[in-house]
Amino acid sequence: MKTSSGKIVDLATALSVVKDGMTVGIGGWIFHGQPMALIRGLIARGVRDLTLVPAPGSVAPDMLIGAGCVKETACVFISFEHLGLAPNFRRAAQSGTVKVLEMDGPGIAGGLRAGACDLPYGLIPDLGTDLPKVNPNGYRKARVQEGSRPLLEVPAIKPDVLLLHGQQADEEGNVQYFGAGYFDLLMAQAAKHVICSVDRIVPTSTVRQSARLTKIPSAFVDAIVVTPFGAHPGCSPGLYDQDEAHLKTYVAASRDQKSFDSYLDTFVRNGGGEPAYRDKIGAQALAALTSGGAAP
């Protein structure tokens, strides 16, 4: 249920706005601040035919792809870094079951800036890559050139729904990050509807005392979902580290679709939601990941 502020809602209420065929943005960066509780909630709801626009990510977009929720993704990269390639993303890209629209950092940023400013396209420098050839709908030679530097047009990116994870928020919906904000604020400015999970709620007085930590002001937030360990198996900077053991379990389970479906049945589709997920991981394992729980 909603609180008196109207911002803090339960997981089911927050995700009820996500419909089949929508464009969904995902914040965070690789294993940092991935909105995993929201991702697991979407999979449990059985949403289909999504277009994903993730910031450079890992397990969040990979899990949605492996669960069959995605028809296409515009992305810079999806990677498990030292653990190798993103297994479900790679398999879907190779088989063609998910259409991949290749982008680079300037292209994603330019499209988001255009979306935030309600413009049809953004201008970025032409860096001489082959992206206009492999993604002609995403990169066009600019019709108007400024000076001697060649430019490209990138269409505006305006996600229907954006999923984020921050460390804490107050009841007004001001979201604080203990680490970097990456593309999250720009994505929030461009998106039509923003859902942010946080590990905890704090008093507004706490937010005001540490205003520098507020990366996503309330004006850009439509719903807050309180989900302790909501970024697991990724990290929530300043609160807990990424779970290397579980990430390895995830990668091993992603070796084929049958094995990954078994992983989803165990950890996501069991009907118990996030409390059941945390029970599966185990209190001792979660406690071992914590780093004190205090803002820097």
Foldseek 3Di string as FASTA:
>chain_A
DADPLQAADALCVQCPVDAAQFEEEFEDAALEFTQQLNLLVVLLVPHAAYEYEYEAYEDSVLLCLLSHRYAEYEYQAYQNVVLGRRQSVVVCPVVVSHHYQYDHPQLSLFQLQCLLVVHQWGKDFCPPDCNCVRHVQQWDFDPDDDPPTTIIIGGHDEGQEYETEAAEEESNQQGFALDDRPCPQSNLSRYPAYEYEHQYYDHVVVCVVPVVRRPHGSVSHNHYHHAHVSSPCGDRPQFFHHQPVVVNVQVVQSPDSVSNVVVCCQQRNVPPRRVSNDVVCNPVSRVVGTDPNDRD
